C-alpha atoms as a PDB file:
ATOM      1  CA  GLU A   1       0.055  -0.204  -0.080  1.00  0.00           C
ATOM      2  CA  GLY A   2       2.999   2.294  -0.391  1.00  0.00           C
ATOM      3  CA  VAL A   3       3.898   2.173   3.482  1.00  0.00           C
ATOM      4  CA  ARG A   4       7.545   1.822   3.677  1.00  0.00           C
ATOM      5  CA  CYS A   5       9.240   0.144   6.936  1.00  0.00           C
ATOM      6  CA  GLU A   6      12.559   1.256   8.314  1.00  0.00           C
ATOM      7  CA  TYR A   7      14.094  -1.351  10.509  1.00  0.00           C
ATOM      8  CA  PHE A   8      16.304   0.041  13.424  1.00  0.00           C
ATOM      9  CA  ASN A   9      18.704  -2.014  15.873  1.00  0.00           C
ATOM     10  CA  ALA A  10      18.485  -2.060  19.630  1.00  0.00           C
ATOM     11  CA  LEU A  11      19.227   1.352  21.280  1.00  0.00           C
ATOM     12  CA  SER A  12      23.297   1.694  22.173  1.00  0.00           C
ATOM     13  CA  SER A  13      24.012   2.400  25.725  1.00  0.00           C
ATOM     14  CA  GLY A  14      26.350   4.896  24.624  1.00  0.00           C
ATOM     15  CA  THR A  15      24.708   7.094  22.219  1.00  0.00           C
ATOM     16  CA  GLY A  16      20.860   6.373  23.361  1.00  0.00           C
ATOM     17  CA  LYS A  17      20.128   5.988  19.664  1.00  0.00           C
ATOM     18  CA  PRO A  18      19.724   2.779  17.346  1.00  0.00           C
ATOM     19  CA  SER A  19      22.882   1.111  16.887  1.00  0.00           C
ATOM     20  CA  VAL A  20      24.427   1.083  13.276  1.00  0.00           C
ATOM     21  CA  TYR A  21      26.423  -1.874  11.833  1.00  0.00           C
ATOM     22  CA  GLY A  22      26.926  -1.062   8.564  1.00  0.00           C
ATOM     23  CA  PRO A  23      26.623  -3.931   6.195  1.00  0.00           C
ATOM     24  CA  VAL A  24      26.361  -7.418   8.014  1.00  0.00           C
ATOM     25  CA  ASN A  25      26.000 -11.086   7.107  1.00  0.00           C
ATOM     26  CA  MET A  26      24.302 -13.715   9.083  1.00  0.00           C
ATOM     27  CA  GLU A  27      27.455 -14.502  11.409  1.00  0.00           C
ATOM     28  CA  ASP A  28      27.923 -10.852  11.933  1.00  0.00           C
ATOM     29  CA  ALA A  29      24.320 -10.210  12.798  1.00  0.00           C
ATOM     30  CA  LEU A  30      24.258 -12.892  15.243  1.00  0.00           C
ATOM     31  CA  ALA A  31      27.453 -11.767  17.066  1.00  0.00           C
ATOM     32  CA  VAL A  32      26.488  -8.113  17.373  1.00  0.00           C
ATOM     33  CA  SER A  33      22.709  -8.958  17.669  1.00  0.00           C
ATOM     34  CA  SER A  34      21.319  -7.035  14.672  1.00  0.00           C
ATOM     35  CA  ASP A  35      17.750  -6.627  14.923  1.00  0.00           C
ATOM     36  CA  ALA A  36      17.548  -4.981  11.277  1.00  0.00           C
ATOM     37  CA  TYR A  37      19.202  -7.822   9.617  1.00  0.00           C
ATOM     38  CA  PHE A  38      16.668 -10.558  10.852  1.00  0.00           C
ATOM     39  CA  TYR A  39      13.803  -7.986  10.646  1.00  0.00           C
ATOM     40  CA  ARG A  40      14.611  -8.031   6.566  1.00  0.00           C
ATOM     41  CA  ILE A  41      14.979 -11.992   6.537  1.00  0.00           C
ATOM     42  CA  GLY A  42      11.193 -12.170   8.381  1.00  0.00           C
ATOM     43  CA  GLU A  43       9.915  -9.840   5.883  1.00  0.00           C
ATOM     44  CA  LYS A  44      11.533 -11.426   2.738  1.00  0.00           C
ATOM     45  CA  MET A  45      10.398 -14.979   4.477  1.00  0.00           C
ATOM     46  CA  PHE A  46       6.653 -13.867   4.597  1.00  0.00           C
ATOM     47  CA  GLU A  47       6.688 -12.826   0.964  1.00  0.00           C
ATOM     48  CA  ALA A  48       8.112 -16.329  -0.167  1.00  0.00           C
ATOM     49  CA  SER A  49       5.072 -18.484   1.264  1.00  0.00           C
ATOM     50  CA  LYS A  50       1.642 -18.118   0.206  1.00  0.00           C
ATOM     51  CA  ASP A  51       0.205 -19.233   3.516  1.00  0.00           C
ATOM     52  CA  ARG A  52       2.711 -16.694   5.187  1.00  0.00           C
ATOM     53  CA  GLN A  53       3.712 -19.471   7.288  1.00  0.00           C
ATOM     54  CA  LEU A  54       7.383 -20.305   6.138  1.00  0.00           C
ATOM     55  CA  LEU A  55       9.194 -19.138   9.383  1.00  0.00           C
ATOM     56  CA  ALA A  56       6.543 -20.329  11.938  1.00  0.00           C
ATOM     57  CA  ASN A  57       6.897 -23.500  10.174  1.00  0.00           C
ATOM     58  CA  GLN A  58      10.453 -23.613  10.679  1.00  0.00           C
ATOM     59  CA  VAL A  59      10.203 -22.396  14.332  1.00  0.00           C
ATOM     60  CA  ARG A  60       7.840 -25.376  14.900  1.00  0.00           C
ATOM     61  CA  LEU A  61      10.378 -28.092  13.685  1.00  0.00           C
ATOM     62  CA  PHE A  62      12.616 -27.106  16.900  1.00  0.00           C
ATOM     63  CA  GLY A  63      10.040 -27.953  19.226  1.00  0.00           C
ATOM     64  CA  PHE A  64       8.124 -24.702  19.776  1.00  0.00           C
ATOM     65  CA  GLY A  65       4.507 -24.448  20.206  1.00  0.00           C
ATOM     66  CA  VAL A  66       4.237 -27.800  21.883  1.00  0.00           C
ATOM     67  CA  ASP A  67       4.834 -29.408  24.891  1.00  0.00           C
ATOM     68  CA  THR A  68       8.192 -31.097  25.169  1.00  0.00           C
ATOM     69  CA  GLY A  69       6.910 -34.393  26.687  1.00  0.00           C
ATOM     70  CA  ILE A  70       9.090 -33.820  29.998  1.00  0.00           C
ATOM     71  CA  GLU A  71       7.709 -35.781  33.021  1.00  0.00           C
ATOM     72  CA  LEU A  72       6.799 -32.488  34.915  1.00  0.00           C
ATOM     73  CA  PRO A  73       3.153 -31.139  35.443  1.00  0.00           C
ATOM     74  CA  TYR A  74       1.530 -28.042  34.096  1.00  0.00           C
ATOM     75  CA  GLU A  75       3.949 -27.649  31.222  1.00  0.00           C
ATOM     76  CA  PHE A  76       2.888 -24.830  29.022  1.00  0.00           C
ATOM     77  CA  ASP A  77       3.026 -25.667  25.130  1.00  0.00           C
ATOM     78  CA  GLY A  78       4.072 -21.920  24.338  1.00  0.00           C
ATOM     79  CA  ARG A  79       2.717 -20.034  21.077  1.00  0.00           C
ATOM     80  CA  VAL A  80       3.876 -19.626  17.729  1.00  0.00           C
ATOM     81  CA  PRO A  81       2.154 -16.842  15.623  1.00  0.00           C
ATOM     82  CA  SER A  82      -0.893 -17.547  13.194  1.00  0.00           C
ATOM     83  CA  SER A  83      -4.065 -15.803  12.004  1.00  0.00           C
ATOM     84  CA  GLU A  84      -6.009 -18.245  14.477  1.00  0.00           C
ATOM     85  CA  LEU A  85      -3.975 -17.205  17.184  1.00  0.00           C
ATOM     86  CA  LYS A  86      -4.200 -13.422  16.611  1.00  0.00           C
ATOM     87  CA  ALA A  87      -8.030 -13.813  16.672  1.00  0.00           C
ATOM     88  CA  GLU A  88      -7.876 -15.904  19.812  1.00  0.00           C
ATOM     89  CA  LEU A  89      -5.956 -13.655  21.784  1.00  0.00           C
ATOM     90  CA  ILE A  90      -8.123 -10.577  20.491  1.00  0.00           C
ATOM     91  CA  ASP A  91     -11.304 -12.372  21.357  1.00  0.00           C
ATOM     92  CA  LYS A  92      -9.697 -13.168  25.067  1.00  0.00           C
ATOM     93  CA  GLY A  93      -8.980  -9.431  25.555  1.00  0.00           C
ATOM     94  CA  VAL A  94      -4.774 -10.285  25.195  1.00  0.00           C
ATOM     95  CA  LEU A  95      -4.835  -8.022  21.972  1.00  0.00           C
ATOM     96  CA  ASP A  96      -6.326  -4.637  21.453  1.00  0.00           C
ATOM     97  CA  ASP A  97      -9.806  -4.747  19.519  1.00  0.00           C
ATOM     98  CA  GLY A  98      -7.884  -2.626  16.868  1.00  0.00           C
ATOM     99  CA  GLU A  99      -5.492  -5.296  15.917  1.00  0.00           C
ATOM    100  CA  ALA A 100      -5.855  -6.873  12.663  1.00  0.00           C
ATOM    101  CA  ARG A 101      -7.165 -10.499  13.095  1.00  0.00           C
ATOM    102  CA  ASN A 102      -4.863 -12.008  10.271  1.00  0.00           C
ATOM    103  CA  PHE A 103      -1.207 -12.576  10.432  1.00  0.00           C
ATOM    104  CA  LEU A 104       0.708  -9.800   8.816  1.00  0.00           C
ATOM    105  CA  VAL A 105       4.246  -8.999   7.622  1.00  0.00           C
ATOM    106  CA  GLY A 106       4.932  -7.090  11.071  1.00  0.00           C
ATOM    107  CA  ASP A 107       4.169 -10.323  13.068  1.00  0.00           C
ATOM    108  CA  ASN A 108       6.617 -12.158  10.846  1.00  0.00           C
ATOM    109  CA  VAL A 109       9.106  -9.591  11.115  1.00  0.00           C
ATOM    110  CA  GLN A 110       8.663  -9.460  15.176  1.00  0.00           C
ATOM    111  CA  LEU A 111       8.750 -13.215  15.095  1.00  0.00           C
ATOM    112  CA  SER A 112      11.910 -13.309  13.364  1.00  0.00           C
ATOM    113  CA  ILE A 113      13.661 -12.059  16.621  1.00  0.00           C
ATOM    114  CA  GLY A 114      11.764 -14.251  18.749  1.00  0.00           C
ATOM    115  CA  GLN A 115       9.512 -11.658  19.961  1.00  0.00           C
ATOM    116  CA  GLY A 116       5.963 -10.131  19.322  1.00  0.00           C
ATOM    117  CA  LEU A 117       2.942 -13.213  19.519  1.00  0.00           C
ATOM    118  CA  LEU A 118       6.019 -16.045  19.921  1.00  0.00           C
ATOM    119  CA  ALA A 119       5.522 -17.366  23.293  1.00  0.00           C
ATOM    120  CA  ALA A 120       8.251 -20.330  24.537  1.00  0.00           C
ATOM    121  CA  THR A 121       9.459 -21.584  28.038  1.00  0.00           C
ATOM    122  CA  PRO A 122      13.091 -21.760  28.738  1.00  0.00           C
ATOM    123  CA  LEU A 123      13.056 -25.502  28.761  1.00  0.00           C
ATOM    124  CA  GLN A 124      11.676 -25.241  24.839  1.00  0.00           C
ATOM    125  CA  LEU A 125      14.782 -22.758  24.330  1.00  0.00           C
ATOM    126  CA  ALA A 126      17.085 -25.149  25.751  1.00  0.00           C
ATOM    127  CA  ASN A 127      15.688 -28.024  23.609  1.00  0.00           C
ATOM    128  CA  ALA A 128      16.263 -25.904  20.516  1.00  0.00           C
ATOM    129  CA  TYR A 129      19.549 -25.021  21.003  1.00  0.00           C
ATOM    130  CA  SER A 130      20.739 -28.350  22.066  1.00  0.00           C
ATOM    131  CA  THR A 131      18.969 -29.447  18.771  1.00  0.00           C
ATOM    132  CA  ILE A 132      21.552 -27.250  16.634  1.00  0.00           C
ATOM    133  CA  ALA A 133      24.412 -28.601  19.204  1.00  0.00           C
ATOM    134  CA  ASN A 134      22.986 -32.401  18.036  1.00  0.00           C
ATOM    135  CA  ASP A 135      23.169 -31.723  14.438  1.00  0.00           C
ATOM    136  CA  GLY A 136      19.569 -31.002  14.186  1.00  0.00           C
ATOM    137  CA  PHE A 137      18.419 -34.140  15.905  1.00  0.00           C
ATOM    138  CA  LEU A 138      15.459 -33.083  18.394  1.00  0.00           C
ATOM    139  CA  TYR A 139      15.001 -35.105  21.357  1.00  0.00           C
ATOM    140  CA  GLN A 140      12.663 -35.524  24.341  1.00  0.00           C
ATOM    141  CA  PRO A 141      13.996 -34.115  27.297  1.00  0.00           C
ATOM    142  CA  HIS A 142      13.536 -36.030  30.672  1.00  0.00           C
ATOM    143  CA  VAL A 143      14.301 -35.464  34.146  1.00  0.00           C
ATOM    144  CA  VAL A 144      16.038 -38.071  34.626  1.00  0.00           C
ATOM    145  CA  GLY A 145      17.702 -40.045  31.822  1.00  0.00           C
ATOM    146  CA  ALA A 146      19.431 -42.956  34.256  1.00  0.00           C
ATOM    147  CA  ILE A 147      19.998 -43.733  37.748  1.00  0.00           C
ATOM    148  CA  TYR A 148      23.539 -45.386  37.587  1.00  0.00           C
ATOM    149  CA  ARG A 149      23.980 -45.598  41.805  1.00  0.00           C
ATOM    150  CA  GLY A 150      21.363 -44.853  43.867  1.00  0.00           C
ATOM    151  CA  GLY A 151      21.214 -44.196  47.782  1.00  0.00           C
ATOM    152  CA  VAL A 152      19.109 -46.255  50.592  1.00  0.00           C
ATOM    153  CA  PRO A 153      15.217 -45.909  49.949  1.00  0.00           C
ATOM    154  CA  ASP A 154      13.464 -43.965  52.202  1.00  0.00           C
ATOM    155  CA  SER A 155      16.651 -42.389  53.310  1.00  0.00           C
ATOM    156  CA  THR A 156      17.767 -38.700  54.082  1.00  0.00           C
ATOM    157  CA  THR A 157      21.190 -39.722  52.515  1.00  0.00           C
ATOM    158  CA  PRO A 158      21.042 -38.253  48.860  1.00  0.00           C
ATOM    159  CA  GLY A 159      22.057 -40.927  46.357  1.00  0.00           C
ATOM    160  CA  LEU A 160      24.990 -39.782  43.877  1.00  0.00           C
ATOM    161  CA  VAL A 161      25.216 -40.157  40.188  1.00  0.00           C
ATOM    162  CA  ASP A 162      27.907 -41.738  38.627  1.00  0.00           C
ATOM    163  CA  LEU A 163      28.316 -39.385  35.640  1.00  0.00           C
ATOM    164  CA  SER A 164      31.739 -41.457  34.480  1.00  0.00           C
ATOM    165  CA  ALA A 165      29.419 -44.301  33.655  1.00  0.00           C
ATOM    166  CA  VAL A 166      27.105 -42.648  30.993  1.00  0.00           C
ATOM    167  CA  GLU A 167      28.084 -44.023  27.500  1.00  0.00           C
ATOM    168  CA  PRO A 168      28.312 -41.507  25.034  1.00  0.00           C
ATOM    169  CA  LEU A 169      25.832 -41.375  22.276  1.00  0.00           C
ATOM    170  CA  THR A 170      26.837 -43.831  19.258  1.00  0.00           C
ATOM    171  CA  SER A 171      23.397 -44.122  17.497  1.00  0.00           C
ATOM    172  CA  PHE A 172      20.592 -41.815  16.358  1.00  0.00           C
ATOM    173  CA  ASP A 173      18.201 -44.873  16.778  1.00  0.00           C
ATOM    174  CA  ASP A 174      16.903 -43.582  19.937  1.00  0.00           C
ATOM    175  CA  PRO A 175      13.159 -43.786  20.881  1.00  0.00           C
ATOM    176  CA  ASP A 176      13.368 -40.410  22.194  1.00  0.00           C
ATOM    177  CA  LEU A 177      14.286 -38.840  19.073  1.00  0.00           C
ATOM    178  CA  ILE A 178      11.364 -36.524  18.161  1.00  0.00           C
ATOM    179  CA  ARG A 179      12.627 -35.795  14.580  1.00  0.00           C
ATOM    180  CA  GLN A 180      15.483 -35.167  12.710  1.00  0.00           C
ATOM    181  CA  ILE A 181      15.955 -31.272  11.044  1.00  0.00           C
ATOM    182  CA  ASP A 182      17.824 -31.056   7.837  1.00  0.00           C
ATOM    183  CA  MET A 183      20.793 -28.657   8.768  1.00  0.00           C
ATOM    184  CA  PRO A 184      23.381 -29.093   6.216  1.00  0.00           C
ATOM    185  CA  SER A 185      26.806 -27.720   7.333  1.00  0.00           C
ATOM    186  CA  THR A 186      26.421 -24.371   4.913  1.00  0.00           C
ATOM    187  CA  VAL A 187      23.628 -23.585   7.444  1.00  0.00           C
ATOM    188  CA  ARG A 188      24.383 -25.184  10.506  1.00  0.00           C
ATOM    189  CA  LEU A 189      28.312 -23.710  10.663  1.00  0.00           C
ATOM    190  CA  PRO A 190      27.716 -20.227  10.167  1.00  0.00           C
ATOM    191  CA  ILE A 191      25.243 -20.166  13.098  1.00  0.00           C
ATOM    192  CA  ILE A 192      27.695 -21.789  15.570  1.00  0.00           C
ATOM    193  CA  ALA A 193      30.360 -19.171  14.146  1.00  0.00           C
ATOM    194  CA  GLY A 194      28.166 -16.433  14.843  1.00  0.00           C
ATOM    195  CA  LEU A 195      27.209 -17.753  18.452  1.00  0.00           C
ATOM    196  CA  GLN A 196      30.854 -18.252  19.219  1.00  0.00           C
ATOM    197  CA  ARG A 197      31.712 -14.775  18.285  1.00  0.00           C
ATOM    198  CA  VAL A 198      29.319 -13.564  20.736  1.00  0.00           C
ATOM    199  CA  VAL A 199      31.145 -15.252  23.621  1.00  0.00           C
ATOM    200  CA  ARG A 200      34.887 -14.754  22.003  1.00  0.00           C
ATOM    201  CA  GLY A 201      34.516 -11.917  19.454  1.00  0.00           C
ATOM    202  CA  ASP A 202      35.388 -10.525  17.356  1.00  0.00           C
ATOM    203  CA  GLY A 203      32.506  -7.479  16.761  1.00  0.00           C
ATOM    204  CA  VAL A 204      32.204  -5.434  13.541  1.00  0.00           C
ATOM    205  CA  THR A 205      33.970  -2.134  12.588  1.00  0.00           C
ATOM    206  CA  TYR A 206      31.483   0.494  11.390  1.00  0.00           C
ATOM    207  CA  PRO A 207      32.098   3.423  10.279  1.00  0.00           C
ATOM    208  CA  SER A 208      35.827   2.522   9.563  1.00  0.00           C
ATOM    209  CA  THR A 209      36.973   3.280  12.942  1.00  0.00           C
ATOM    210  CA  PHE A 210      34.478   2.602  15.356  1.00  0.00           C
ATOM    211  CA  TYR A 211      34.343  -1.133  16.945  1.00  0.00           C
ATOM    212  CA  HIS A 212      31.079  -2.602  18.262  1.00  0.00           C
ATOM    213  CA  ALA A 213      31.873  -5.214  20.318  1.00  0.00           C
ATOM    214  CA  THR A 214      29.785  -8.444  20.393  1.00  0.00           C
ATOM    215  CA  THR A 215      27.101  -8.678  23.157  1.00  0.00           C
ATOM    216  CA  GLY A 216      28.960 -11.240  25.227  1.00  0.00           C
ATOM    217  CA  GLN A 217      32.524 -10.457  24.600  1.00  0.00           C
ATOM    218  CA  TYR A 218      33.547  -8.223  27.418  1.00  0.00           C
ATOM    219  CA  LEU A 219      31.673 -10.761  30.015  1.00  0.00           C
ATOM    220  CA  PHE A 220      33.595 -13.504  28.930  1.00  0.00           C
ATOM    221  CA  GLU A 221      37.234 -12.065  28.026  1.00  0.00           C
ATOM    222  CA  ASN A 222      38.625 -13.562  30.979  1.00  0.00           C
ATOM    223  CA  TYR A 223      36.529 -17.023  30.651  1.00  0.00           C
ATOM    224  CA  ASP A 224      38.736 -20.121  31.036  1.00  0.00           C
ATOM    225  CA  SER A 225      36.154 -22.951  31.146  1.00  0.00           C
ATOM    226  CA  ILE A 226      34.230 -25.367  28.996  1.00  0.00           C
ATOM    227  CA  ASP A 227      34.527 -23.998  25.350  1.00  0.00           C
ATOM    228  CA  ILE A 228      30.796 -22.650  24.789  1.00  0.00           C
ATOM    229  CA  VAL A 229      28.772 -20.659  22.251  1.00  0.00           C
ATOM    230  CA  GLY A 230      25.547 -18.658  23.132  1.00  0.00           C
ATOM    231  CA  LYS A 231      23.655 -16.026  22.608  1.00  0.00           C
ATOM    232  CA  THR A 232      21.895 -13.239  24.299  1.00  0.00           C
ATOM    233  CA  GLY A 233      17.976 -12.086  24.076  1.00  0.00           C
ATOM    234  CA  THR A 234      16.015  -9.693  25.545  1.00  0.00           C
ATOM    235  CA  ALA A 235      12.157 -10.513  25.951  1.00  0.00           C
ATOM    236  CA  GLN A 236      10.281  -7.391  25.866  1.00  0.00           C
ATOM    237  CA  GLY A 237       7.290  -7.341  28.538  1.00  0.00           C
ATOM    238  CA  SER A 238       4.170  -5.225  28.480  1.00  0.00           C
ATOM    239  CA  ARG A 239       4.046  -2.604  25.496  1.00  0.00           C
ATOM    240  CA  SER A 240       7.956  -2.742  25.348  1.00  0.00           C
ATOM    241  CA  LYS A 241       8.708  -1.084  28.328  1.00  0.00           C
ATOM    242  CA  PRO A 242      12.528  -1.275  29.218  1.00  0.00           C
ATOM    243  CA  TRP A 243      11.523  -1.818  32.801  1.00  0.00           C
ATOM    244  CA  PHE A 244       9.536  -4.892  32.161  1.00  0.00           C
ATOM    245  CA  ASP A 245      12.299  -6.471  29.638  1.00  0.00           C
ATOM    246  CA  SER A 246      13.436  -9.547  30.807  1.00  0.00           C
ATOM    247  CA  SER A 247      16.972 -10.987  30.546  1.00  0.00           C
ATOM    248  CA  VAL A 248      17.875 -14.145  28.551  1.00  0.00           C
ATOM    249  CA  PHE A 249      21.066 -16.164  27.538  1.00  0.00           C
ATOM    250  CA  ALA A 250      21.340 -19.347  26.066  1.00  0.00           C
ATOM    251  CA  ALA A 251      24.710 -21.548  25.454  1.00  0.00           C
ATOM    252  CA  PHE A 252      25.991 -25.071  24.919  1.00  0.00           C
ATOM    253  CA  SER A 253      29.262 -26.682  24.989  1.00  0.00           C
ATOM    254  CA  VAL A 254      31.153 -27.290  21.980  1.00  0.00           C
ATOM    255  CA  ASP A 255      33.213 -29.997  23.818  1.00  0.00           C
ATOM    256  CA  GLN A 256      31.779 -33.401  23.051  1.00  0.00           C
ATOM    257  CA  THR A 257      32.908 -34.700  26.377  1.00  0.00           C
ATOM    258  CA  LYS A 258      30.970 -32.252  28.509  1.00  0.00           C
ATOM    259  CA  PRO A 259      27.428 -31.710  26.514  1.00  0.00           C
ATOM    260  CA  TYR A 260      25.660 -29.362  28.356  1.00  0.00           C
ATOM    261  CA  THR A 261      23.045 -26.782  27.393  1.00  0.00           C
ATOM    262  CA  VAL A 262      22.285 -23.997  29.718  1.00  0.00           C
ATOM    263  CA  VAL A 263      19.557 -21.301  29.509  1.00  0.00           C
ATOM    264  CA  SER A 264      18.820 -18.734  31.837  1.00  0.00           C
ATOM    265  CA  TYR A 265      15.792 -16.552  32.134  1.00  0.00           C
ATOM    266  CA  LEU A 266      15.412 -13.658  34.623  1.00  0.00           C
ATOM    267  CA  GLU A 267      12.658 -11.432  34.633  1.00  0.00           C
ATOM    268  CA  LYS A 268      12.749  -7.775  34.610  1.00  0.00           C
ATOM    269  CA  SER A 269      16.596  -7.910  34.562  1.00  0.00           C
ATOM    270  CA  GLY A 270      17.452  -6.122  31.383  1.00  0.00           C
ATOM    271  CA  TYR A 271      19.542  -7.084  28.533  1.00  0.00           C
ATOM    272  CA  GLY A 272      20.413 -10.634  28.375  1.00  0.00           C
ATOM    273  CA  SER A 273      24.554  -9.781  28.731  1.00  0.00           C
ATOM    274  CA  LYS A 274      23.377  -7.896  32.085  1.00  0.00           C
ATOM    275  CA  ALA A 275      21.961 -10.546  34.029  1.00  0.00           C
ATOM    276  CA  ALA A 276      21.224 -13.745  32.425  1.00  0.00           C
ATOM    277  CA  ALA A 277      24.707 -14.007  30.566  1.00  0.00           C
ATOM    278  CA  PRO A 278      26.443 -14.028  33.752  1.00  0.00           C
ATOM    279  CA  LEU A 279      24.572 -16.268  35.605  1.00  0.00           C
ATOM    280  CA  VAL A 280      25.196 -18.859  32.589  1.00  0.00           C
ATOM    281  CA  LYS A 281      29.065 -17.993  32.611  1.00  0.00           C
ATOM    282  CA  CYS A 282      29.113 -18.955  36.442  1.00  0.00           C
ATOM    283  CA  LEU A 283      27.078 -22.192  35.995  1.00  0.00           C
ATOM    284  CA  PHE A 284      29.727 -23.280  33.100  1.00  0.00           C
ATOM    285  CA  GLU A 285      32.635 -22.273  35.323  1.00  0.00           C
ATOM    286  CA  ALA A 286      30.971 -24.758  37.880  1.00  0.00           C
ATOM    287  CA  LEU A 287      30.588 -27.611  35.394  1.00  0.00           C
ATOM    288  CA  GLY A 288      34.015 -27.013  34.507  1.00  0.00           C
ATOM    289  CA  SER A 289      35.262 -27.248  37.897  1.00  0.00           C
ATOM    290  CA  GLN A 290      36.671 -23.665  37.639  1.00  0.00           C
ATOM    291  CA  ILE A 291      34.607 -22.411  40.552  1.00  0.00           C
ATOM    292  CA  GLN A 292      33.594 -24.367  44.066  1.00  0.00           C
ATOM    293  CA  ILE A 293      29.900 -25.269  44.593  1.00  0.00           C
ATOM    294  CA  ASP A 294      28.278 -26.060  47.638  1.00  0.00           C
ATOM    295  CA  ASP A 295      27.690 -29.687  47.928  1.00  0.00           C
ATOM    296  CA  VAL A 296      24.149 -30.626  47.115  1.00  0.00           C
ATOM    297  CA  ALA A 297      21.542 -31.044  50.006  1.00  0.00           C
ATOM    298  CA  LEU A 298      18.175 -32.468  50.187  1.00  0.00           C
ATOM    299  CA  SER A 299      15.697 -29.905  50.246  1.00  0.00           C
ATOM    300  CA  ASP A 300      13.149 -29.583  52.798  1.00  0.00           C
ATOM    301  CA  PRO A 301       9.550 -31.378  52.154  1.00  0.00           C
ATOM    302  CA  LEU A 302       6.997 -28.845  50.983  1.00  0.00           C
ATOM    303  CA  ASP A 303       4.673 -28.272  53.528  1.00  0.00           C
ATOM    304  CA  GLN A 304       1.412 -27.450  51.364  1.00  0.00           C
ATOM    305  CA  ALA A 305      -0.626 -26.207  54.607  1.00  0.00           C
ATOM    306  CA  VAL A 306       1.542 -23.351  55.250  1.00  0.00           C
ATOM    307  CA  LEU A 307       0.245 -20.051  53.855  1.00  0.00           C
ATOM    308  CA  VAL A 308       3.006 -17.687  54.783  1.00  0.00           C
ATOM    309  CA  PRO A 309       5.802 -17.135  52.435  1.00  0.00           C
ATOM    310  CA  ALA A 310       9.062 -18.171  53.243  1.00  0.00           C
ATOM    311  CA  LEU A 311      11.793 -15.097  54.552  1.00  0.00           C
ATOM    312  CA  PRO A 312      14.390 -14.303  51.950  1.00  0.00           C
ATOM    313  CA  ASN A 313      17.568 -15.546  52.275  1.00  0.00           C
ATOM    314  CA  GLN A 314      20.864 -13.392  52.663  1.00  0.00           C
ATOM    315  CA  LEU A 315      22.214 -12.691  49.311  1.00  0.00           C
ATOM    316  CA  PRO A 316      25.674 -14.043  48.962  1.00  0.00           C
ATOM    317  CA  GLU A 317      28.445 -11.877  48.045  1.00  0.00           C
ATOM    318  CA  THR A 318      28.511 -11.226  44.205  1.00  0.00           C
ATOM    319  CA  PRO A 319      30.792 -13.977  42.565  1.00  0.00           C
ATOM    320  CA  THR A 320      33.409 -12.600  40.232  1.00  0.00           C
ATOM    321  CA  CYS A 321      32.287 -14.607  37.480  1.00  0.00           C
ATOM    322  CA  SER A 322      28.999 -12.865  37.600  1.00  0.00           C
ATOM    323  CA  ILE A 323      30.729  -9.325  36.840  1.00  0.00           C
ATOM    324  CA  ASN A 324      30.193  -8.059  33.508  1.00  0.00           C
ATOM    325  CA  PRO A 325      32.978  -4.905  32.809  1.00  0.00           C
ATOM    326  CA  ARG A 326      30.102  -3.186  30.813  1.00  0.00           C
ATOM    327  CA  PHE A 327      28.083  -2.876  34.224  1.00  0.00           C
ATOM    328  CA  ASP A 328      28.711  -2.836  37.962  1.00  0.00           C
ATOM    329  CA  SER A 329      27.588  -6.382  38.528  1.00  0.00           C
ATOM    330  CA  ILE A 330      24.720  -8.980  38.182  1.00  0.00           C
ATOM    331  CA  ARG A 331      22.809  -7.224  40.758  1.00  0.00           C
ATOM    332  CA  ASP A 332      22.312  -3.739  38.961  1.00  0.00           C
END
């Protein structure tokens, strides 16, 4: 209809204006978190399919929009945008009456950066990142995969799991395999490279003398534990007000001997690099035995008859691993 869209990146903390990265490819865009790059991808994918669901269908392949099947109650299946979903949310009063009931290009543009009408659980996000780590194999997660050495039944002594007894996966003929996604190396490897640059750098230089660091580069500059790749994220809240922003970071190990995926989601904590990423960094340092953690202790049984909330625990001293040089600390 002659309306022209202009895409802008997130605001730069230094200038208060949208960041400008110059010409970028997908690896660059992942490294510095260029929203505008993925907005354009969302627009092109919308135009490339008659039912406008090309991007949404790809998102569903990674396990979004359905239960993972984990052995936990009350699992939320999330949402993947569609015209039917928009109409349902309008009828329920979640969206304003003035919203168009059909799926529009703007909806797909927002979906391209994981926002808008998309809703996902941290577990779904962890499963999707694990699928990339597993060369496109999407598995059903479990609370417990196997118990190799247990404690005494009905005892207060916790059982110990001997992780050294876990055999490496040698075949994909697994009953818990949900699907195999076609991810050729020409698609997967640039994604891995972009996620690696988020953690290790380099960023981009634009204009010719201005260096834009990657979103996790300063946080991980002294990191010396399990080799990981990851991505910062910001889950915007009600009406995109900054004080509603929730902090997200997802990462997985590229060390096949330590196959871990960790996702942190901290409500109303700002950009992903400010709160969630430091927490994931600390967890991987603990997994890599770089920092000491307390021994595992059994929690107290839940007394369902008590209606008074527990008193807050004394906050521990901020661990060094959580400090991001761009900010004062994880507490900000």
